[in-house]
């Protein structure tokens, strides 16, 4: 699969498409890197930065508590011998 990834500081009104991707069926996704995260913006210099284990900086702080508590499991009964 051929792909092209580029991080741009200031987006122009037009997008430059590499020659090998012109006249092909493509998907263009635009993600603002300075607005990533649900509890605050990540600074531009932190975008793409990872910790010692390879996780994006602030990943666990942003996702902690995002899954609601699961209900208690009902009794399953006794095992028959």
PDB file of N, CA and C in Angstrom:
ATOM      1  N   UNK A   1       0.849  -1.178   0.000  1.00  0.00           N
ATOM      2  CA  UNK A   1       0.000   0.000   0.000  1.00  0.00           C
ATOM      3  C   UNK A   1       0.887   1.231   0.000  1.00  0.00           C
ATOM      4  N   UNK A   2       0.632   2.134  -0.895  1.00  0.00           N
ATOM      5  CA  UNK A   2       1.368   3.385  -0.971  1.00  0.00           C
ATOM      6  C   UNK A   2       0.637   4.438  -0.164  1.00  0.00           C
ATOM      7  N   UNK A   3       1.366   5.161   0.666  1.00  0.00           N
ATOM      8  CA  UNK A   3       0.733   6.231   1.411  1.00  0.00           C
ATOM      9  C   UNK A   3       1.701   7.392   1.535  1.00  0.00           C
ATOM     10  N   UNK A   4       1.144   8.535   1.875  1.00  0.00           N
ATOM     11  CA  UNK A   4       1.909   9.764   2.013  1.00  0.00           C
ATOM     12  C   UNK A   4       1.451  10.439   3.285  1.00  0.00           C
ATOM     13  N   UNK A   5       2.387  10.775   4.152  1.00  0.00           N
ATOM     14  CA  UNK A   5       2.057  11.448   5.403  1.00  0.00           C
ATOM     15  C   UNK A   5       2.947  12.666   5.532  1.00  0.00           C
ATOM     16  N   UNK A   6       2.337  13.792   5.880  1.00  0.00           N
ATOM     17  CA  UNK A   6       3.092  15.025   6.028  1.00  0.00           C
ATOM     18  C   UNK A   6       2.435  15.870   7.111  1.00  0.00           C
ATOM     19  N   UNK A   7       3.229  16.383   8.027  1.00  0.00           N
ATOM     20  CA  UNK A   7       2.735  17.288   9.055  1.00  0.00           C
ATOM     21  C   UNK A   7       3.058  18.708   8.606  1.00  0.00           C
ATOM     22  N   UNK A   8       2.034  19.555   8.574  1.00  0.00           N
ATOM     23  CA  UNK A   8       2.170  20.910   8.053  1.00  0.00           C
ATOM     24  C   UNK A   8       1.887  21.897   9.176  1.00  0.00           C
ATOM     25  N   UNK A   9       2.753  22.909   9.329  1.00  0.00           N
ATOM     26  CA  UNK A   9       2.537  23.928  10.357  1.00  0.00           C
ATOM     27  C   UNK A   9       1.397  24.875   9.995  1.00  0.00           C
ATOM     28  N   UNK A  10       1.359  25.341   8.782  1.00  0.00           N
ATOM     29  CA  UNK A  10       0.298  26.241   8.312  1.00  0.00           C
ATOM     30  C   UNK A  10      -0.289  25.661   7.037  1.00  0.00           C
ATOM     31  N   UNK A  11      -1.571  25.355   7.060  1.00  0.00           N
ATOM     32  CA  UNK A  11      -2.218  24.741   5.914  1.00  0.00           C
ATOM     33  C   UNK A  11      -2.532  25.802   4.856  1.00  0.00           C
ATOM     34  N   UNK A  12      -2.149  25.497   3.625  1.00  0.00           N
ATOM     35  CA  UNK A  12      -2.460  26.389   2.506  1.00  0.00           C
ATOM     36  C   UNK A  12      -3.893  26.117   2.047  1.00  0.00           C
ATOM     37  N   UNK A  13      -4.371  26.926   1.126  1.00  0.00           N
ATOM     38  CA  UNK A  13      -5.730  26.738   0.625  1.00  0.00           C
ATOM     39  C   UNK A  13      -5.826  25.554  -0.330  1.00  0.00           C
ATOM     40  N   UNK A  14      -4.711  25.110  -0.863  1.00  0.00           N
ATOM     41  CA  UNK A  14      -4.689  23.943  -1.737  1.00  0.00           C
ATOM     42  C   UNK A  14      -3.738  22.917  -1.155  1.00  0.00           C
ATOM     43  N   UNK A  15      -3.954  21.678  -1.511  1.00  0.00           N
ATOM     44  CA  UNK A  15      -3.130  20.584  -1.010  1.00  0.00           C
ATOM     45  C   UNK A  15      -2.290  20.042  -2.158  1.00  0.00           C
ATOM     46  N   UNK A  16      -0.995  19.880  -1.939  1.00  0.00           N
ATOM     47  CA  UNK A  16      -0.106  19.306  -2.935  1.00  0.00           C
ATOM     48  C   UNK A  16      -0.179  17.786  -2.839  1.00  0.00           C
ATOM     49  N   UNK A  17      -0.480  17.157  -3.946  1.00  0.00           N
ATOM     50  CA  UNK A  17      -0.610  15.704  -3.990  1.00  0.00           C
ATOM     51  C   UNK A  17       0.630  15.135  -4.685  1.00  0.00           C
ATOM     52  N   UNK A  18       1.286  14.133  -4.092  1.00  0.00           N
ATOM     53  CA  UNK A  18       2.454  13.526  -4.738  1.00  0.00           C
ATOM     54  C   UNK A  18       2.094  12.937  -6.096  1.00  0.00           C
ATOM     55  N   UNK A  19       3.049  12.918  -7.011  1.00  0.00           N
ATOM     56  CA  UNK A  19       2.803  12.436  -8.372  1.00  0.00           C
ATOM     57  C   UNK A  19       2.279  11.007  -8.407  1.00  0.00           C
ATOM     58  N   UNK A  20       2.820  10.125  -7.547  1.00  0.00           N
ATOM     59  CA  UNK A  20       2.405   8.721  -7.584  1.00  0.00           C
ATOM     60  C   UNK A  20       0.974   8.506  -7.096  1.00  0.00           C
ATOM     61  N   UNK A  21       0.372   9.511  -6.462  1.00  0.00           N
ATOM     62  CA  UNK A  21      -1.007   9.382  -5.984  1.00  0.00           C
ATOM     63  C   UNK A  21      -2.020  10.156  -6.831  1.00  0.00           C
ATOM     64  N   UNK A  22      -1.555  10.885  -7.820  1.00  0.00           N
ATOM     65  CA  UNK A  22      -2.480  11.634  -8.682  1.00  0.00           C
ATOM     66  C   UNK A  22      -3.244  10.682  -9.600  1.00  0.00           C
ATOM     67  N   UNK A  23      -4.476  11.064  -9.908  1.00  0.00           N
ATOM     68  CA  UNK A  23      -5.368  10.296 -10.782  1.00  0.00           C
ATOM     69  C   UNK A  23      -5.642   8.900 -10.223  1.00  0.00           C
ATOM     70  N   UNK A  24      -5.679   8.798  -8.902  1.00  0.00           N
ATOM     71  CA  UNK A  24      -6.017   7.544  -8.229  1.00  0.00           C
ATOM     72  C   UNK A  24      -7.125   7.808  -7.233  1.00  0.00           C
ATOM     73  N   UNK A  25      -7.760   6.761  -6.801  1.00  0.00           N
ATOM     74  CA  UNK A  25      -8.810   6.856  -5.796  1.00  0.00           C
ATOM     75  C   UNK A  25      -8.126   6.915  -4.446  1.00  0.00           C
ATOM     76  N   UNK A  26      -8.226   8.056  -3.755  1.00  0.00           N
ATOM     77  CA  UNK A  26      -7.529   8.263  -2.488  1.00  0.00           C
ATOM     78  C   UNK A  26      -8.490   8.797  -1.436  1.00  0.00           C
ATOM     79  N   UNK A  27      -8.068   8.712  -0.187  1.00  0.00           N
ATOM     80  CA  UNK A  27      -8.803   9.298   0.929  1.00  0.00           C
ATOM     81  C   UNK A  27      -7.878  10.310   1.579  1.00  0.00           C
ATOM     82  N   UNK A  28      -8.369  11.510   1.803  1.00  0.00           N
ATOM     83  CA  UNK A  28      -7.593  12.561   2.456  1.00  0.00           C
ATOM     84  C   UNK A  28      -8.213  12.821   3.819  1.00  0.00           C
ATOM     85  N   UNK A  29      -7.399  12.720   4.867  1.00  0.00           N
ATOM     86  CA  UNK A  29      -7.860  12.951   6.235  1.00  0.00           C
ATOM     87  C   UNK A  29      -7.056  14.096   6.802  1.00  0.00           C
ATOM     88  N   UNK A  30      -7.736  15.098   7.343  1.00  0.00           N
ATOM     89  CA  UNK A  30      -7.068  16.250   7.934  1.00  0.00           C
ATOM     90  C   UNK A  30      -7.361  16.243   9.428  1.00  0.00           C
ATOM     91  N   UNK A  31      -6.303  16.137  10.247  1.00  0.00           N
ATOM     92  CA  UNK A  31      -6.443  16.117  11.696  1.00  0.00           C
ATOM     93  C   UNK A  31      -5.665  17.288  12.287  1.00  0.00           C
ATOM     94  N   UNK A  32      -6.320  18.183  13.016  1.00  0.00           N
ATOM     95  CA  UNK A  32      -5.587  19.282  13.663  1.00  0.00           C
ATOM     96  C   UNK A  32      -4.821  18.750  14.864  1.00  0.00           C
ATOM     97  N   UNK A  33      -3.508  18.770  14.796  1.00  0.00           N
ATOM     98  CA  UNK A  33      -2.683  18.199  15.855  1.00  0.00           C
ATOM     99  C   UNK A  33      -2.668  19.040  17.117  1.00  0.00           C
ATOM    100  N   UNK A  34      -3.032  20.311  17.040  1.00  0.00           N
ATOM    101  CA  UNK A  34      -3.026  21.138  18.242  1.00  0.00           C
ATOM    102  C   UNK A  34      -4.339  21.054  19.014  1.00  0.00           C
ATOM    103  N   UNK A  35      -5.292  20.238  18.552  1.00  0.00           N
ATOM    104  CA  UNK A  35      -6.561  20.074  19.245  1.00  0.00           C
ATOM    105  C   UNK A  35      -6.819  18.621  19.610  1.00  0.00           C
ATOM    106  N   UNK A  36      -5.785  17.810  19.696  1.00  0.00           N
ATOM    107  CA  UNK A  36      -5.926  16.395  20.020  1.00  0.00           C
ATOM    108  C   UNK A  36      -6.191  16.245  21.505  1.00  0.00           C
ATOM    109  N   UNK A  37      -7.063  15.336  21.861  1.00  0.00           N
ATOM    110  CA  UNK A  37      -7.318  15.052  23.269  1.00  0.00           C
ATOM    111  C   UNK A  37      -8.631  15.632  23.733  1.00  0.00           C
ATOM    112  N   UNK A  38      -9.240  14.938  24.670  1.00  0.00           N
ATOM    113  CA  UNK A  38     -10.541  15.373  25.164  1.00  0.00           C
ATOM    114  C   UNK A  38     -10.435  16.308  26.355  1.00  0.00           C
ATOM    115  N   UNK A  39      -9.290  16.303  27.053  1.00  0.00           N
ATOM    116  CA  UNK A  39      -9.195  17.130  28.254  1.00  0.00           C
ATOM    117  C   UNK A  39      -8.175  18.255  28.107  1.00  0.00           C
ATOM    118  N   UNK A  40      -7.870  18.655  26.893  1.00  0.00           N
ATOM    119  CA  UNK A  40      -6.929  19.750  26.689  1.00  0.00           C
ATOM    120  C   UNK A  40      -6.106  19.538  25.443  1.00  0.00           C
ATOM    121  N   UNK A  41      -5.556  20.611  24.956  1.00  0.00           N
ATOM    122  CA  UNK A  41      -4.779  20.553  23.722  1.00  0.00           C
ATOM    123  C   UNK A  41      -3.370  20.040  23.987  1.00  0.00           C
ATOM    124  N   UNK A  42      -2.849  19.302  23.027  1.00  0.00           N
ATOM    125  CA  UNK A  42      -1.458  18.887  23.070  1.00  0.00           C
ATOM    126  C   UNK A  42      -0.662  19.930  22.295  1.00  0.00           C
ATOM    127  N   UNK A  43       0.431  20.365  22.863  1.00  0.00           N
ATOM    128  CA  UNK A  43       1.249  21.357  22.175  1.00  0.00           C
ATOM    129  C   UNK A  43       1.846  20.760  20.914  1.00  0.00           C
ATOM    130  N   UNK A  44       2.119  21.598  19.924  1.00  0.00           N
ATOM    131  CA  UNK A  44       2.644  21.124  18.652  1.00  0.00           C
ATOM    132  C   UNK A  44       3.937  20.340  18.818  1.00  0.00           C
ATOM    133  N   UNK A  45       4.792  20.743  19.746  1.00  0.00           N
ATOM    134  CA  UNK A  45       6.050  20.016  19.906  1.00  0.00           C
ATOM    135  C   UNK A  45       5.845  18.652  20.543  1.00  0.00           C
ATOM    136  N   UNK A  46       4.693  18.415  21.201  1.00  0.00           N
ATOM    137  CA  UNK A  46       4.410  17.110  21.792  1.00  0.00           C
ATOM    138  C   UNK A  46       3.716  16.178  20.813  1.00  0.00           C
ATOM    139  N   UNK A  47       3.136  16.703  19.759  1.00  0.00           N
ATOM    140  CA  UNK A  47       2.436  15.869  18.794  1.00  0.00           C
ATOM    141  C   UNK A  47       3.440  14.923  18.151  1.00  0.00           C
ATOM    142  N   UNK A  48       3.188  13.643  18.248  1.00  0.00           N
ATOM    143  CA  UNK A  48       4.086  12.647  17.693  1.00  0.00           C
ATOM    144  C   UNK A  48       5.159  12.199  18.670  1.00  0.00           C
ATOM    145  N   UNK A  49       5.320  12.878  19.814  1.00  0.00           N
ATOM    146  CA  UNK A  49       6.314  12.477  20.799  1.00  0.00           C
ATOM    147  C   UNK A  49       5.789  11.275  21.579  1.00  0.00           C
ATOM    148  N   UNK A  50       6.692  10.363  21.911  1.00  0.00           N
ATOM    149  CA  UNK A  50       6.314   9.162  22.627  1.00  0.00           C
ATOM    150  C   UNK A  50       7.162   9.004  23.883  1.00  0.00           C
ATOM    151  N   UNK A  51       6.658   8.203  24.833  1.00  0.00           N
ATOM    152  CA  UNK A  51       7.425   7.944  26.055  1.00  0.00           C
ATOM    153  C   UNK A  51       8.384   6.772  25.820  1.00  0.00           C
ATOM    154  N   UNK A  52       9.030   6.292  26.884  1.00  0.00           N
ATOM    155  CA  UNK A  52      10.029   5.230  26.769  1.00  0.00           C
ATOM    156  C   UNK A  52       9.441   3.917  26.257  1.00  0.00           C
ATOM    157  N   UNK A  53       8.141   3.699  26.453  1.00  0.00           N
ATOM    158  CA  UNK A  53       7.500   2.465  26.008  1.00  0.00           C
ATOM    159  C   UNK A  53       6.813   2.601  24.653  1.00  0.00           C
ATOM    160  N   UNK A  54       6.911   3.765  24.033  1.00  0.00           N
ATOM    161  CA  UNK A  54       6.331   3.964  22.713  1.00  0.00           C
ATOM    162  C   UNK A  54       4.917   4.507  22.704  1.00  0.00           C
ATOM    163  N   UNK A  55       4.356   4.830  23.874  1.00  0.00           N
ATOM    164  CA  UNK A  55       2.999   5.385  23.936  1.00  0.00           C
ATOM    165  C   UNK A  55       3.068   6.896  23.728  1.00  0.00           C
ATOM    166  N   UNK A  56       2.089   7.487  23.022  1.00  0.00           N
ATOM    167  CA  UNK A  56       2.070   8.948  22.858  1.00  0.00           C
ATOM    168  C   UNK A  56       2.011   9.644  24.219  1.00  0.00           C
ATOM    169  N   UNK A  57       2.709  10.764  24.341  1.00  0.00           N
ATOM    170  CA  UNK A  57       2.699  11.499  25.602  1.00  0.00           C
ATOM    171  C   UNK A  57       1.283  11.934  25.946  1.00  0.00           C
ATOM    172  N   UNK A  58       0.865  11.711  27.189  1.00  0.00           N
ATOM    173  CA  UNK A  58      -0.465  12.102  27.644  1.00  0.00           C
ATOM    174  C   UNK A  58      -1.561  11.118  27.293  1.00  0.00           C
ATOM    175  N   UNK A  59      -1.223   9.967  26.677  1.00  0.00           N
ATOM    176  CA  UNK A  59      -2.239   9.013  26.241  1.00  0.00           C
ATOM    177  C   UNK A  59      -3.073   8.497  27.401  1.00  0.00           C
ATOM    178  N   UNK A  60      -2.416   8.061  28.469  1.00  0.00           N
ATOM    179  CA  UNK A  60      -3.152   7.478  29.587  1.00  0.00           C
ATOM    180  C   UNK A  60      -3.921   8.534  30.370  1.00  0.00           C
ATOM    181  N   UNK A  61      -3.407   9.743  30.456  1.00  0.00           N
ATOM    182  CA  UNK A  61      -4.128  10.814  31.138  1.00  0.00           C
ATOM    183  C   UNK A  61      -5.402  11.175  30.373  1.00  0.00           C
ATOM    184  N   UNK A  62      -5.375  11.078  29.050  1.00  0.00           N
ATOM    185  CA  UNK A  62      -6.552  11.406  28.240  1.00  0.00           C
ATOM    186  C   UNK A  62      -7.593  10.293  28.241  1.00  0.00           C
ATOM    187  N   UNK A  63      -7.153   9.040  28.323  1.00  0.00           N
ATOM    188  CA  UNK A  63      -8.091   7.932  28.188  1.00  0.00           C
ATOM    189  C   UNK A  63      -8.511   7.316  29.513  1.00  0.00           C
ATOM    190  N   UNK A  64      -7.860   7.667  30.613  1.00  0.00           N
ATOM    191  CA  UNK A  64      -8.196   7.082  31.917  1.00  0.00           C
ATOM    192  C   UNK A  64      -9.643   7.409  32.262  1.00  0.00           C
ATOM    193  N   UNK A  65     -10.413   6.383  32.608  1.00  0.00           N
ATOM    194  CA  UNK A  65     -11.803   6.566  32.999  1.00  0.00           C
ATOM    195  C   UNK A  65     -12.771   6.692  31.839  1.00  0.00           C
ATOM    196  N   UNK A  66     -12.323   6.469  30.599  1.00  0.00           N
ATOM    197  CA  UNK A  66     -13.215   6.626  29.457  1.00  0.00           C
ATOM    198  C   UNK A  66     -14.186   5.460  29.301  1.00  0.00           C
ATOM    199  N   UNK A  67     -13.863   4.300  29.889  1.00  0.00           N
ATOM    200  CA  UNK A  67     -14.781   3.163  29.859  1.00  0.00           C
ATOM    201  C   UNK A  67     -15.587   3.181  31.153  1.00  0.00           C
ATOM    202  N   UNK A  68     -16.917   3.160  31.061  1.00  0.00           N
ATOM    203  CA  UNK A  68     -17.717   3.188  32.291  1.00  0.00           C
ATOM    204  C   UNK A  68     -17.533   1.898  33.087  1.00  0.00           C
ATOM    205  N   UNK A  69     -17.837   1.968  34.354  1.00  0.00           N
ATOM    206  CA  UNK A  69     -17.754   0.774  35.190  1.00  0.00           C
ATOM    207  C   UNK A  69     -18.774  -0.248  34.700  1.00  0.00           C
ATOM    208  N   UNK A  70     -18.352  -1.502  34.673  1.00  0.00           N
ATOM    209  CA  UNK A  70     -19.235  -2.560  34.233  1.00  0.00           C
ATOM    210  C   UNK A  70     -20.145  -2.982  35.385  1.00  0.00           C
ATOM    211  N   UNK A  71     -21.370  -3.429  35.088  1.00  0.00           N
ATOM    212  CA  UNK A  71     -22.266  -3.864  36.163  1.00  0.00           C
ATOM    213  C   UNK A  71     -21.724  -5.132  36.815  1.00  0.00           C
ATOM    214  N   UNK A  72     -22.149  -5.367  38.053  1.00  0.00           N
ATOM    215  CA  UNK A  72     -21.736  -6.573  38.769  1.00  0.00           C
ATOM    216  C   UNK A  72     -22.298  -7.807  38.053  1.00  0.00           C
ATOM    217  N   UNK A  73     -21.521  -8.851  38.014  1.00  0.00           N
ATOM    218  CA  UNK A  73     -21.949 -10.079  37.365  1.00  0.00           C
ATOM    219  C   UNK A  73     -22.907 -10.820  38.287  1.00  0.00           C
ATOM    220  N   UNK A  74     -23.991 -11.314  37.704  1.00  0.00           N
ATOM    221  CA  UNK A  74     -24.980 -12.062  38.474  1.00  0.00           C
ATOM    222  C   UNK A  74     -24.418 -13.405  38.888  1.00  0.00           C
ATOM    223  N   UNK A  75     -24.922 -13.985  39.973  1.00  0.00           N
ATOM    224  CA  UNK A  75     -24.447 -15.309  40.392  1.00  0.00           C
ATOM    225  C   UNK A  75     -24.652 -16.324  39.275  1.00  0.00           C
ATOM    226  N   UNK A  76     -23.672 -17.220  39.096  1.00  0.00           N
ATOM    227  CA  UNK A  76     -23.714 -18.186  37.995  1.00  0.00           C
ATOM    228  C   UNK A  76     -24.260 -19.547  38.421  1.00  0.00           C
ATOM    229  N   UNK A  77     -24.564 -19.705  39.705  1.00  0.00           N
ATOM    230  CA  UNK A  77     -25.091 -20.980  40.179  1.00  0.00           C
ATOM    231  C   UNK A  77     -23.984 -21.939  40.542  1.00  0.00           C
ATOM    232  N   UNK A  78     -24.352 -23.113  41.017  1.00  0.00           N
ATOM    233  CA  UNK A  78     -23.383 -24.120  41.425  1.00  0.00           C
ATOM    234  C   UNK A  78     -23.078 -25.063  40.258  1.00  0.00           C
ATOM    235  N   UNK A  79     -21.853 -25.544  40.240  1.00  0.00           N
ATOM    236  CA  UNK A  79     -21.424 -26.495  39.229  1.00  0.00           C
ATOM    237  C   UNK A  79     -21.908 -27.887  39.596  1.00  0.00           C
ATOM    238  N   UNK A  80     -22.530 -28.587  38.655  1.00  0.00           N
ATOM    239  CA  UNK A  80     -23.017 -29.945  38.926  1.00  0.00           C
ATOM    240  C   UNK A  80     -21.884 -30.935  38.730  1.00  0.00           C
ATOM    241  N   UNK A  81     -21.823 -31.907  39.624  1.00  0.00           N
ATOM    242  CA  UNK A  81     -20.771 -32.931  39.527  1.00  0.00           C
ATOM    243  C   UNK A  81     -21.311 -34.194  38.926  1.00  0.00           C
TER     244      UNK A  81
END
